[in-house]
Amino acid sequence: VLVAVGAAPRVALAHAAGLELADDGAVRVDAGLRTAAPDVYAAGDV
């Protein structure tokens, strides 16, 4: 039996650090992939 019902962003570290998450649970970044925290960026599935 294979369960293939999608993937969730791996945000435990980001959430624990206090980074802002978007409505879909991923790390919220702007158009340049920058978070609201100084000098912190996110890219890819997260």
ModelCIF file with pLDDT and N, C-alpha, C, O atoms, coordinates in Angstrom:
data_MODEL
#
_entry.id   MODEL 
#
_entity.id                         1 
_entity.type                       polymer 
_entity.pdbx_number_of_molecules   1 
#
_entity_poly.entity_id                      1 
_entity_poly.type                           'polypeptide(L)' 
_entity_poly.nstd_linkage                   no 
_entity_poly.nstd_monomer                   no 
_entity_poly.pdbx_seq_one_letter_code       VLVAVGAAPRVALAHAAGLELADDGAVRVDAGLRTAAPDVYAAGDV 
_entity_poly.pdbx_seq_one_letter_code_can   VLVAVGAAPRVALAHAAGLELADDGAVRVDAGLRTAAPDVYAAGDV 
_entity_poly.pdbx_strand_id                 A 
#
loop_
_entity_poly_seq.entity_id 
_entity_poly_seq.num 
_entity_poly_seq.mon_id 
_entity_poly_seq.hetero 
1 1  VAL n 
1 2  LEU n 
1 3  VAL n 
1 4  ALA n 
1 5  VAL n 
1 6  GLY n 
1 7  ALA n 
1 8  ALA n 
1 9  PRO n 
1 10 ARG n 
1 11 VAL n 
1 12 ALA n 
1 13 LEU n 
1 14 ALA n 
1 15 HIS n 
1 16 ALA n 
1 17 ALA n 
1 18 GLY n 
1 19 LEU n 
1 20 GLU n 
1 21 LEU n 
1 22 ALA n 
1 23 ASP n 
1 24 ASP n 
1 25 GLY n 
1 26 ALA n 
1 27 VAL n 
1 28 ARG n 
1 29 VAL n 
1 30 ASP n 
1 31 ALA n 
1 32 GLY n 
1 33 LEU n 
1 34 ARG n 
1 35 THR n 
1 36 ALA n 
1 37 ALA n 
1 38 PRO n 
1 39 ASP n 
1 40 VAL n 
1 41 TYR n 
1 42 ALA n 
1 43 ALA n 
1 44 GLY n 
1 45 ASP n 
1 46 VAL n 
#
_struct_asym.id          A 
_struct_asym.entity_id   1 
#
loop_
_ma_qa_metric.id 
_ma_qa_metric.mode 
_ma_qa_metric.name 
_ma_qa_metric.software_group_id 
_ma_qa_metric.type 
1 global pLDDT . pLDDT 
2 local  pLDDT . pLDDT 
#
_ma_qa_metric_global.metric_id      1 
_ma_qa_metric_global.metric_value   97.26 
_ma_qa_metric_global.model_id       1 
_ma_qa_metric_global.ordinal_id     1 
#
loop_
_ma_qa_metric_local.label_asym_id 
_ma_qa_metric_local.label_comp_id 
_ma_qa_metric_local.label_seq_id 
_ma_qa_metric_local.metric_id 
_ma_qa_metric_local.metric_value 
_ma_qa_metric_local.model_id 
_ma_qa_metric_local.ordinal_id 
A VAL 1  2 98.00 1 1  
A LEU 2  2 98.00 1 2  
A VAL 3  2 98.00 1 3  
A ALA 4  2 98.00 1 4  
A VAL 5  2 97.00 1 5  
A GLY 6  2 94.00 1 6  
A ALA 7  2 95.00 1 7  
A ALA 8  2 96.00 1 8  
A PRO 9  2 97.00 1 9  
A ARG 10 2 97.00 1 10 
A VAL 11 2 98.00 1 11 
A ALA 12 2 97.00 1 12 
A LEU 13 2 98.00 1 13 
A ALA 14 2 98.00 1 14 
A HIS 15 2 98.00 1 15 
A ALA 16 2 98.00 1 16 
A ALA 17 2 98.00 1 17 
A GLY 18 2 97.00 1 18 
A LEU 19 2 98.00 1 19 
A GLU 20 2 97.00 1 20 
A LEU 21 2 98.00 1 21 
A ALA 22 2 97.00 1 22 
A ASP 23 2 95.00 1 23 
A ASP 24 2 93.00 1 24 
A GLY 25 2 95.00 1 25 
A ALA 26 2 98.00 1 26 
A VAL 27 2 98.00 1 27 
A ARG 28 2 98.00 1 28 
A VAL 29 2 98.00 1 29 
A ASP 30 2 98.00 1 30 
A ALA 31 2 98.00 1 31 
A GLY 32 2 98.00 1 32 
A LEU 33 2 98.00 1 33 
A ARG 34 2 98.00 1 34 
A THR 35 2 98.00 1 35 
A ALA 36 2 96.00 1 36 
A ALA 37 2 98.00 1 37 
A PRO 38 2 96.00 1 38 
A ASP 39 2 97.00 1 39 
A VAL 40 2 98.00 1 40 
A TYR 41 2 98.00 1 41 
A ALA 42 2 98.00 1 42 
A ALA 43 2 98.00 1 43 
A GLY 44 2 97.00 1 44 
A ASP 45 2 97.00 1 45 
A VAL 46 2 98.00 1 46 
#
loop_
_atom_site.group_PDB 
_atom_site.id 
_atom_site.type_symbol 
_atom_site.label_atom_id 
_atom_site.label_alt_id 
_atom_site.label_comp_id 
_atom_site.label_asym_id 
_atom_site.label_entity_id 
_atom_site.label_seq_id 
_atom_site.pdbx_PDB_ins_code 
_atom_site.Cartn_x 
_atom_site.Cartn_y 
_atom_site.Cartn_z 
_atom_site.occupancy 
_atom_site.B_iso_or_equiv 
_atom_site.pdbx_formal_charge 
_atom_site.auth_seq_id 
_atom_site.auth_comp_id 
_atom_site.auth_asym_id 
_atom_site.auth_atom_id 
_atom_site.pdbx_PDB_model_num 
ATOM 1   N N  . VAL A 1 1  ? 0.864  -1.179 0.000  1.00 98.00 ? 1  VAL A N  1 
ATOM 2   C CA . VAL A 1 1  ? 0.000  0.000  0.000  1.00 98.00 ? 1  VAL A CA 1 
ATOM 3   C C  . VAL A 1 1  ? 0.902  1.231  0.000  1.00 98.00 ? 1  VAL A C  1 
ATOM 4   O O  . VAL A 1 1  ? 1.741  1.408  0.883  1.00 98.00 ? 1  VAL A O  1 
ATOM 5   N N  . LEU A 1 2  ? 0.711  2.069  -1.003 1.00 98.00 ? 2  LEU A N  1 
ATOM 6   C CA . LEU A 1 2  ? 1.445  3.331  -1.099 1.00 98.00 ? 2  LEU A CA 1 
ATOM 7   C C  . LEU A 1 2  ? 0.486  4.479  -0.852 1.00 98.00 ? 2  LEU A C  1 
ATOM 8   O O  . LEU A 1 2  ? -0.561 4.565  -1.495 1.00 98.00 ? 2  LEU A O  1 
ATOM 9   N N  . VAL A 1 3  ? 0.834  5.360  0.073  1.00 98.00 ? 3  VAL A N  1 
ATOM 10  C CA . VAL A 1 3  ? 0.052  6.566  0.329  1.00 98.00 ? 3  VAL A CA 1 
ATOM 11  C C  . VAL A 1 3  ? 0.729  7.724  -0.392 1.00 98.00 ? 3  VAL A C  1 
ATOM 12  O O  . VAL A 1 3  ? 1.851  8.105  -0.059 1.00 98.00 ? 3  VAL A O  1 
ATOM 13  N N  . ALA A 1 4  ? 0.040  8.277  -1.378 1.00 98.00 ? 4  ALA A N  1 
ATOM 14  C CA . ALA A 1 4  ? 0.579  9.365  -2.201 1.00 98.00 ? 4  ALA A CA 1 
ATOM 15  C C  . ALA A 1 4  ? -0.469 10.467 -2.291 1.00 98.00 ? 4  ALA A C  1 
ATOM 16  O O  . ALA A 1 4  ? -1.057 10.701 -3.348 1.00 98.00 ? 4  ALA A O  1 
ATOM 17  N N  . VAL A 1 5  ? -0.691 11.137 -1.171 1.00 97.00 ? 5  VAL A N  1 
ATOM 18  C CA . VAL A 1 5  ? -1.761 12.128 -1.063 1.00 97.00 ? 5  VAL A CA 1 
ATOM 19  C C  . VAL A 1 5  ? -1.208 13.540 -0.927 1.00 97.00 ? 5  VAL A C  1 
ATOM 20  O O  . VAL A 1 5  ? -1.851 14.411 -0.340 1.00 97.00 ? 5  VAL A O  1 
ATOM 21  N N  . GLY A 1 6  ? -0.021 13.763 -1.468 1.00 94.00 ? 6  GLY A N  1 
ATOM 22  C CA . GLY A 1 6  ? 0.542  15.105 -1.456 1.00 94.00 ? 6  GLY A CA 1 
ATOM 23  C C  . GLY A 1 6  ? 1.669  15.252 -0.459 1.00 94.00 ? 6  GLY A C  1 
ATOM 24  O O  . GLY A 1 6  ? 2.014  14.319 0.267  1.00 94.00 ? 6  GLY A O  1 
ATOM 25  N N  . ALA A 1 7  ? 2.232  16.442 -0.441 1.00 95.00 ? 7  ALA A N  1 
ATOM 26  C CA . ALA A 1 7  ? 3.375  16.734 0.430  1.00 95.00 ? 7  ALA A CA 1 
ATOM 27  C C  . ALA A 1 7  ? 3.115  18.015 1.201  1.00 95.00 ? 7  ALA A C  1 
ATOM 28  O O  . ALA A 1 7  ? 2.440  18.923 0.716  1.00 95.00 ? 7  ALA A O  1 
ATOM 29  N N  . ALA A 1 8  ? 3.657  18.076 2.403  1.00 96.00 ? 8  ALA A N  1 
ATOM 30  C CA . ALA A 1 8  ? 3.525  19.251 3.264  1.00 96.00 ? 8  ALA A CA 1 
ATOM 31  C C  . ALA A 1 8  ? 4.888  19.900 3.440  1.00 96.00 ? 8  ALA A C  1 
ATOM 32  O O  . ALA A 1 8  ? 5.893  19.196 3.544  1.00 96.00 ? 8  ALA A O  1 
ATOM 33  N N  . PRO A 1 9  ? 4.946  21.225 3.474  1.00 97.00 ? 9  PRO A N  1 
ATOM 34  C CA . PRO A 1 9  ? 6.234  21.887 3.655  1.00 97.00 ? 9  PRO A CA 1 
ATOM 35  C C  . PRO A 1 9  ? 6.840  21.553 5.020  1.00 97.00 ? 9  PRO A C  1 
ATOM 36  O O  . PRO A 1 9  ? 6.135  21.479 6.027  1.00 97.00 ? 9  PRO A O  1 
ATOM 37  N N  . ARG A 1 10 ? 8.137  21.356 5.032  1.00 97.00 ? 10 ARG A N  1 
ATOM 38  C CA . ARG A 1 10 ? 8.844  20.981 6.254  1.00 97.00 ? 10 ARG A CA 1 
ATOM 39  C C  . ARG A 1 10 ? 9.220  22.269 6.998  1.00 97.00 ? 10 ARG A C  1 
ATOM 40  O O  . ARG A 1 10 ? 10.271 22.861 6.753  1.00 97.00 ? 10 ARG A O  1 
ATOM 41  N N  . VAL A 1 11 ? 8.339  22.687 7.907  1.00 98.00 ? 11 VAL A N  1 
ATOM 42  C CA . VAL A 1 11 ? 8.473  24.017 8.512  1.00 98.00 ? 11 VAL A CA 1 
ATOM 43  C C  . VAL A 1 11 ? 8.677  23.984 10.031 1.00 98.00 ? 11 VAL A C  1 
ATOM 44  O O  . VAL A 1 11 ? 8.589  25.028 10.677 1.00 98.00 ? 11 VAL A O  1 
ATOM 45  N N  . ALA A 1 12 ? 8.945  22.823 10.608 1.00 97.00 ? 12 ALA A N  1 
ATOM 46  C CA . ALA A 1 12 ? 9.076  22.758 12.066 1.00 97.00 ? 12 ALA A CA 1 
ATOM 47  C C  . ALA A 1 12 ? 10.143 23.719 12.567 1.00 97.00 ? 12 ALA A C  1 
ATOM 48  O O  . ALA A 1 12 ? 9.913  24.437 13.540 1.00 97.00 ? 12 ALA A O  1 
ATOM 49  N N  . LEU A 1 13 ? 11.302 23.749 11.927 1.00 98.00 ? 13 LEU A N  1 
ATOM 50  C CA . LEU A 1 13 ? 12.373 24.660 12.347 1.00 98.00 ? 13 LEU A CA 1 
ATOM 51  C C  . LEU A 1 13 ? 11.934 26.110 12.217 1.00 98.00 ? 13 LEU A C  1 
ATOM 52  O O  . LEU A 1 13 ? 12.133 26.913 13.129 1.00 98.00 ? 13 LEU A O  1 
ATOM 53  N N  . ALA A 1 14 ? 11.340 26.437 11.084 1.00 98.00 ? 14 ALA A N  1 
ATOM 54  C CA . ALA A 1 14 ? 10.920 27.810 10.839 1.00 98.00 ? 14 ALA A CA 1 
ATOM 55  C C  . ALA A 1 14 ? 9.862  28.250 11.835 1.00 98.00 ? 14 ALA A C  1 
ATOM 56  O O  . ALA A 1 14 ? 9.922  29.360 12.364 1.00 98.00 ? 14 ALA A O  1 
ATOM 57  N N  . HIS A 1 15 ? 8.903  27.388 12.088 1.00 98.00 ? 15 HIS A N  1 
ATOM 58  C CA . HIS A 1 15 ? 7.827  27.717 13.019 1.00 98.00 ? 15 HIS A CA 1 
ATOM 59  C C  . HIS A 1 15 ? 8.374  27.914 14.433 1.00 98.00 ? 15 HIS A C  1 
ATOM 60  O O  . HIS A 1 15 ? 8.007  28.869 15.117 1.00 98.00 ? 15 HIS A O  1 
ATOM 61  N N  . ALA A 1 16 ? 9.250  27.011 14.864 1.00 98.00 ? 16 ALA A N  1 
ATOM 62  C CA . ALA A 1 16 ? 9.833  27.126 16.204 1.00 98.00 ? 16 ALA A CA 1 
ATOM 63  C C  . ALA A 1 16 ? 10.662 28.391 16.347 1.00 98.00 ? 16 ALA A C  1 
ATOM 64  O O  . ALA A 1 16 ? 10.748 28.960 17.436 1.00 98.00 ? 16 ALA A O  1 
ATOM 65  N N  . ALA A 1 17 ? 11.272 28.833 15.257 1.00 98.00 ? 17 ALA A N  1 
ATOM 66  C CA . ALA A 1 17 ? 12.094 30.043 15.298 1.00 98.00 ? 17 ALA A CA 1 
ATOM 67  C C  . ALA A 1 17 ? 11.254 31.313 15.280 1.00 98.00 ? 17 ALA A C  1 
ATOM 68  O O  . ALA A 1 17 ? 11.767 32.399 15.550 1.00 98.00 ? 17 ALA A O  1 
ATOM 69  N N  . GLY A 1 18 ? 9.970  31.188 14.965 1.00 97.00 ? 18 GLY A N  1 
ATOM 70  C CA . GLY A 1 18 ? 9.096  32.349 14.922 1.00 97.00 ? 18 GLY A CA 1 
ATOM 71  C C  . GLY A 1 18 ? 8.956  32.988 13.569 1.00 97.00 ? 18 GLY A C  1 
ATOM 72  O O  . GLY A 1 18 ? 8.455  34.108 13.470 1.00 97.00 ? 18 GLY A O  1 
ATOM 73  N N  . LEU A 1 19 ? 9.386  32.308 12.510 1.00 98.00 ? 19 LEU A N  1 
ATOM 74  C CA . LEU A 1 19 ? 9.210  32.851 11.167 1.00 98.00 ? 19 LEU A CA 1 
ATOM 75  C C  . LEU A 1 19 ? 7.732  32.827 10.776 1.00 98.00 ? 19 LEU A C  1 
ATOM 76  O O  . LEU A 1 19 ? 6.984  31.934 11.174 1.00 98.00 ? 19 LEU A O  1 
ATOM 77  N N  . GLU A 1 20 ? 7.338  33.805 10.005 1.00 97.00 ? 20 GLU A N  1 
ATOM 78  C CA . GLU A 1 20 ? 5.944  33.920 9.596  1.00 97.00 ? 20 GLU A CA 1 
ATOM 79  C C  . GLU A 1 20 ? 5.620  32.866 8.547  1.00 97.00 ? 20 GLU A C  1 
ATOM 80  O O  . GLU A 1 20 ? 6.377  32.661 7.599  1.00 97.00 ? 20 GLU A O  1 
ATOM 81  N N  . LEU A 1 21 ? 4.477  32.199 8.732  1.00 98.00 ? 21 LEU A N  1 
ATOM 82  C CA . LEU A 1 21 ? 4.015  31.202 7.774  1.00 98.00 ? 21 LEU A CA 1 
ATOM 83  C C  . LEU A 1 21 ? 2.834  31.748 6.982  1.00 98.00 ? 21 LEU A C  1 
ATOM 84  O O  . LEU A 1 21 ? 2.060  32.569 7.475  1.00 98.00 ? 21 LEU A O  1 
ATOM 85  N N  . ALA A 1 22 ? 2.712  31.277 5.753  1.00 97.00 ? 22 ALA A N  1 
ATOM 86  C CA . ALA A 1 22 ? 1.599  31.669 4.894  1.00 97.00 ? 22 ALA A CA 1 
ATOM 87  C C  . ALA A 1 22 ? 0.371  30.830 5.213  1.00 97.00 ? 22 ALA A C  1 
ATOM 88  O O  . ALA A 1 22 ? 0.430  29.919 6.039  1.00 97.00 ? 22 ALA A O  1 
ATOM 89  N N  . ASP A 1 23 ? -0.730 31.138 4.559  1.00 95.00 ? 23 ASP A N  1 
ATOM 90  C CA . ASP A 1 23 ? -1.982 30.431 4.819  1.00 95.00 ? 23 ASP A CA 1 
ATOM 91  C C  . ASP A 1 23 ? -1.879 28.938 4.526  1.00 95.00 ? 23 ASP A C  1 
ATOM 92  O O  . ASP A 1 23 ? -2.571 28.140 5.158  1.00 95.00 ? 23 ASP A O  1 
ATOM 93  N N  . ASP A 1 24 ? -1.021 28.545 3.572  1.00 93.00 ? 24 ASP A N  1 
ATOM 94  C CA . ASP A 1 24 ? -0.886 27.130 3.238  1.00 93.00 ? 24 ASP A CA 1 
ATOM 95  C C  . ASP A 1 24 ? 0.115  26.411 4.131  1.00 93.00 ? 24 ASP A C  1 
ATOM 96  O O  . ASP A 1 24 ? 0.400  25.232 3.919  1.00 93.00 ? 24 ASP A O  1 
ATOM 97  N N  . GLY A 1 25 ? 0.651  27.110 5.128  1.00 95.00 ? 25 GLY A N  1 
ATOM 98  C CA . GLY A 1 25 ? 1.562  26.487 6.087  1.00 95.00 ? 25 GLY A CA 1 
ATOM 99  C C  . GLY A 1 25 ? 3.024  26.573 5.716  1.00 95.00 ? 25 GLY A C  1 
ATOM 100 O O  . GLY A 1 25 ? 3.877  26.171 6.508  1.00 95.00 ? 25 GLY A O  1 
ATOM 101 N N  . ALA A 1 26 ? 3.347  27.086 4.528  1.00 98.00 ? 26 ALA A N  1 
ATOM 102 C CA . ALA A 1 26 ? 4.744  27.212 4.112  1.00 98.00 ? 26 ALA A CA 1 
ATOM 103 C C  . ALA A 1 26 ? 5.330  28.519 4.647  1.00 98.00 ? 26 ALA A C  1 
ATOM 104 O O  . ALA A 1 26 ? 4.613  29.373 5.169  1.00 98.00 ? 26 ALA A O  1 
ATOM 105 N N  . VAL A 1 27 ? 6.649  28.653 4.505  1.00 98.00 ? 27 VAL A N  1 
ATOM 106 C CA . VAL A 1 27 ? 7.322  29.863 4.967  1.00 98.00 ? 27 VAL A CA 1 
ATOM 107 C C  . VAL A 1 27 ? 6.965  31.013 4.032  1.00 98.00 ? 27 VAL A C  1 
ATOM 108 O O  . VAL A 1 27 ? 7.109  30.903 2.814  1.00 98.00 ? 27 VAL A O  1 
ATOM 109 N N  . ARG A 1 28 ? 6.513  32.087 4.596  1.00 98.00 ? 28 ARG A N  1 
ATOM 110 C CA . ARG A 1 28 ? 6.069  33.247 3.822  1.00 98.00 ? 28 ARG A CA 1 
ATOM 111 C C  . ARG A 1 28 ? 7.289  34.050 3.372  1.00 98.00 ? 28 ARG A C  1 
ATOM 112 O O  . ARG A 1 28 ? 8.066  34.525 4.200  1.00 98.00 ? 28 ARG A O  1 
ATOM 113 N N  . VAL A 1 29 ? 7.456  34.200 2.046  1.00 98.00 ? 29 VAL A N  1 
ATOM 114 C CA . VAL A 1 29 ? 8.554  34.999 1.503  1.00 98.00 ? 29 VAL A CA 1 
ATOM 115 C C  . VAL A 1 29 ? 8.016  35.987 0.483  1.00 98.00 ? 29 VAL A C  1 
ATOM 116 O O  . VAL A 1 29 ? 6.933  35.802 -0.073 1.00 98.00 ? 29 VAL A O  1 
ATOM 117 N N  . ASP A 1 30 ? 8.793  37.045 0.246  1.00 98.00 ? 30 ASP A N  1 
ATOM 118 C CA . ASP A 1 30 ? 8.377  38.045 -0.718 1.00 98.00 ? 30 ASP A CA 1 
ATOM 119 C C  . ASP A 1 30 ? 8.810  37.639 -2.118 1.00 98.00 ? 30 ASP A C  1 
ATOM 120 O O  . ASP A 1 30 ? 9.234  36.504 -2.336 1.00 98.00 ? 30 ASP A O  1 
ATOM 121 N N  . ALA A 1 31 ? 8.704  38.561 -3.067 1.00 98.00 ? 31 ALA A N  1 
ATOM 122 C CA . ALA A 1 31 ? 9.029  38.235 -4.455 1.00 98.00 ? 31 ALA A CA 1 
ATOM 123 C C  . ALA A 1 31 ? 10.493 37.855 -4.628 1.00 98.00 ? 31 ALA A C  1 
ATOM 124 O O  . ALA A 1 31 ? 10.839 37.129 -5.560 1.00 98.00 ? 31 ALA A O  1 
ATOM 125 N N  . GLY A 1 32 ? 11.353 38.338 -3.741 1.00 98.00 ? 32 GLY A N  1 
ATOM 126 C CA . GLY A 1 32 ? 12.774 38.001 -3.805 1.00 98.00 ? 32 GLY A CA 1 
ATOM 127 C C  . GLY A 1 32 ? 13.170 36.837 -2.925 1.00 98.00 ? 32 GLY A C  1 
ATOM 128 O O  . GLY A 1 32 ? 14.357 36.600 -2.700 1.00 98.00 ? 32 GLY A O  1 
ATOM 129 N N  . LEU A 1 33 ? 12.173 36.097 -2.417 1.00 98.00 ? 33 LEU A N  1 
ATOM 130 C CA . LEU A 1 33 ? 12.384 34.892 -1.594 1.00 98.00 ? 33 LEU A CA 1 
ATOM 131 C C  . LEU A 1 33 ? 12.927 35.220 -0.210 1.00 98.00 ? 33 LEU A C  1 
ATOM 132 O O  . LEU A 1 33 ? 13.570 34.381 0.421  1.00 98.00 ? 33 LEU A O  1 
ATOM 133 N N  . ARG A 1 34 ? 12.676 36.421 0.260  1.00 98.00 ? 34 ARG A N  1 
ATOM 134 C CA . ARG A 1 34 ? 13.157 36.868 1.566  1.00 98.00 ? 34 ARG A CA 1 
ATOM 135 C C  . ARG A 1 34 ? 12.030 36.800 2.587  1.00 98.00 ? 34 ARG A C  1 
ATOM 136 O O  . ARG A 1 34 ? 10.908 37.216 2.297  1.00 98.00 ? 34 ARG A O  1 
ATOM 137 N N  . THR A 1 35 ? 12.313 36.284 3.774  1.00 98.00 ? 35 THR A N  1 
ATOM 138 C CA . THR A 1 35 ? 11.333 36.271 4.854  1.00 98.00 ? 35 THR A CA 1 
ATOM 139 C C  . THR A 1 35 ? 11.317 37.638 5.525  1.00 98.00 ? 35 THR A C  1 
ATOM 140 O O  . THR A 1 35 ? 12.089 38.530 5.173  1.00 98.00 ? 35 THR A O  1 
ATOM 141 N N  . ALA A 1 36 ? 10.422 37.783 6.499  1.00 96.00 ? 36 ALA A N  1 
ATOM 142 C CA . ALA A 1 36 ? 10.359 39.034 7.251  1.00 96.00 ? 36 ALA A CA 1 
ATOM 143 C C  . ALA A 1 36 ? 11.503 39.155 8.246  1.00 96.00 ? 36 ALA A C  1 
ATOM 144 O O  . ALA A 1 36 ? 11.776 40.253 8.731  1.00 96.00 ? 36 ALA A O  1 
ATOM 145 N N  . ALA A 1 37 ? 12.178 38.060 8.562  1.00 98.00 ? 37 ALA A N  1 
ATOM 146 C CA . ALA A 1 37 ? 13.307 38.097 9.487  1.00 98.00 ? 37 ALA A CA 1 
ATOM 147 C C  . ALA A 1 37 ? 14.543 38.610 8.767  1.00 98.00 ? 37 ALA A C  1 
ATOM 148 O O  . ALA A 1 37 ? 14.750 38.265 7.603  1.00 98.00 ? 37 ALA A O  1 
ATOM 149 N N  . PRO A 1 38 ? 15.358 39.408 9.404  1.00 96.00 ? 38 PRO A N  1 
ATOM 150 C CA . PRO A 1 38 ? 16.538 39.969 8.738  1.00 96.00 ? 38 PRO A CA 1 
ATOM 151 C C  . PRO A 1 38 ? 17.469 38.879 8.209  1.00 96.00 ? 38 PRO A C  1 
ATOM 152 O O  . PRO A 1 38 ? 17.868 37.975 8.942  1.00 96.00 ? 38 PRO A O  1 
ATOM 153 N N  . ASP A 1 39 ? 17.806 38.982 6.921  1.00 97.00 ? 39 ASP A N  1 
ATOM 154 C CA . ASP A 1 39 ? 18.831 38.142 6.286  1.00 97.00 ? 39 ASP A CA 1 
ATOM 155 C C  . ASP A 1 39 ? 18.476 36.656 6.272  1.00 97.00 ? 39 ASP A C  1 
ATOM 156 O O  . ASP A 1 39 ? 19.367 35.808 6.232  1.00 97.00 ? 39 ASP A O  1 
ATOM 157 N N  . VAL A 1 40 ? 17.193 36.338 6.304  1.00 98.00 ? 40 VAL A N  1 
ATOM 158 C CA . VAL A 1 40 ? 16.739 34.949 6.236  1.00 98.00 ? 40 VAL A CA 1 
ATOM 159 C C  . VAL A 1 40 ? 15.865 34.781 4.998  1.00 98.00 ? 40 VAL A C  1 
ATOM 160 O O  . VAL A 1 40 ? 14.930 35.549 4.774  1.00 98.00 ? 40 VAL A O  1 
ATOM 161 N N  . TYR A 1 41 ? 16.181 33.769 4.199  1.00 98.00 ? 41 TYR A N  1 
ATOM 162 C CA . TYR A 1 41 ? 15.509 33.510 2.936  1.00 98.00 ? 41 TYR A CA 1 
ATOM 163 C C  . TYR A 1 41 ? 14.986 32.067 2.930  1.00 98.00 ? 41 TYR A C  1 
ATOM 164 O O  . TYR A 1 41 ? 15.400 31.246 3.747  1.00 98.00 ? 41 TYR A O  1 
ATOM 165 N N  . ALA A 1 42 ? 14.082 31.775 2.010  1.00 98.00 ? 42 ALA A N  1 
ATOM 166 C CA . ALA A 1 42 ? 13.580 30.409 1.850  1.00 98.00 ? 42 ALA A CA 1 
ATOM 167 C C  . ALA A 1 42 ? 13.361 30.142 0.369  1.00 98.00 ? 42 ALA A C  1 
ATOM 168 O O  . ALA A 1 42 ? 12.982 31.038 -0.386 1.00 98.00 ? 42 ALA A O  1 
ATOM 169 N N  . ALA A 1 43 ? 13.603 28.893 -0.040 1.00 98.00 ? 43 ALA A N  1 
ATOM 170 C CA . ALA A 1 43 ? 13.454 28.527 -1.451 1.00 98.00 ? 43 ALA A CA 1 
ATOM 171 C C  . ALA A 1 43 ? 13.018 27.075 -1.569 1.00 98.00 ? 43 ALA A C  1 
ATOM 172 O O  . ALA A 1 43 ? 13.255 26.265 -0.673 1.00 98.00 ? 43 ALA A O  1 
ATOM 173 N N  . GLY A 1 44 ? 12.375 26.758 -2.692 1.00 97.00 ? 44 GLY A N  1 
ATOM 174 C CA . GLY A 1 44 ? 11.948 25.387 -2.951 1.00 97.00 ? 44 GLY A CA 1 
ATOM 175 C C  . GLY A 1 44 ? 10.599 25.075 -2.350 1.00 97.00 ? 44 GLY A C  1 
ATOM 176 O O  . GLY A 1 44 ? 9.769  25.965 -2.164 1.00 97.00 ? 44 GLY A O  1 
ATOM 177 N N  . ASP A 1 45 ? 10.381 23.807 -2.046 1.00 97.00 ? 45 ASP A N  1 
ATOM 178 C CA . ASP A 1 45 ? 9.075  23.331 -1.566 1.00 97.00 ? 45 ASP A CA 1 
ATOM 179 C C  . ASP A 1 45 ? 8.587  24.046 -0.312 1.00 97.00 ? 45 ASP A C  1 
ATOM 180 O O  . ASP A 1 45 ? 7.382  24.153 -0.087 1.00 97.00 ? 45 ASP A O  1 
ATOM 181 N N  . VAL A 1 46 ? 9.511  24.532 0.498  1.00 98.00 ? 46 VAL A N  1 
ATOM 182 C CA . VAL A 1 46 ? 9.144  25.100 1.793  1.00 98.00 ? 46 VAL A CA 1 
ATOM 183 C C  . VAL A 1 46 ? 8.663  26.544 1.679  1.00 98.00 ? 46 VAL A C  1 
ATOM 184 O O  . VAL A 1 46 ? 8.318  27.160 2.687  1.00 98.00 ? 46 VAL A O  1 
#
